[in-house]
Amino acid sequence: MKKSDLFFEAKELVWEVIDEKIKRQIVGFDDKIMMVNVLFEKGGIGALHSHTHSQVTHIAEGVFKVSIEGEAKILKKGDAFYIPANKVHGVVCLGKGMLVDVFSPVREDFLK
């Protein structure tokens, strides 16, 4: 498994466009862990989904409606949430914002 560099400067990281309101930036990874910045425009939707990875997400900017297993909560800058493996979750961005997702193990699907 390829590993990422040791240091990251924001100006050098590439943004991948997911849709017209969401883009992501892989910050660092190895086979055990991965960090990803996800930038949302207002109204951007991270559709309900699940995956085999554990996930912790920090809200770096903005306000989001976060749903995990049918329970929803409004969270803002500085807040965070944890998603156990295989639990259905999603977000709606209520104002331009950025999430910092940390996955374990690495999201190999993001590297393709």
Foldseek 3Di string as FASTA:
>chain_A
DDWDDPDDDPVPWDWADPDPFKIKTWGTADQFKTKMKMWGAAFDKFDKDFAQKKKKKAWQAAWKWKDWQRDTDIDGHGDMDIHHHPIIIMIHTRHTTMMMMMITGDPVVVVD
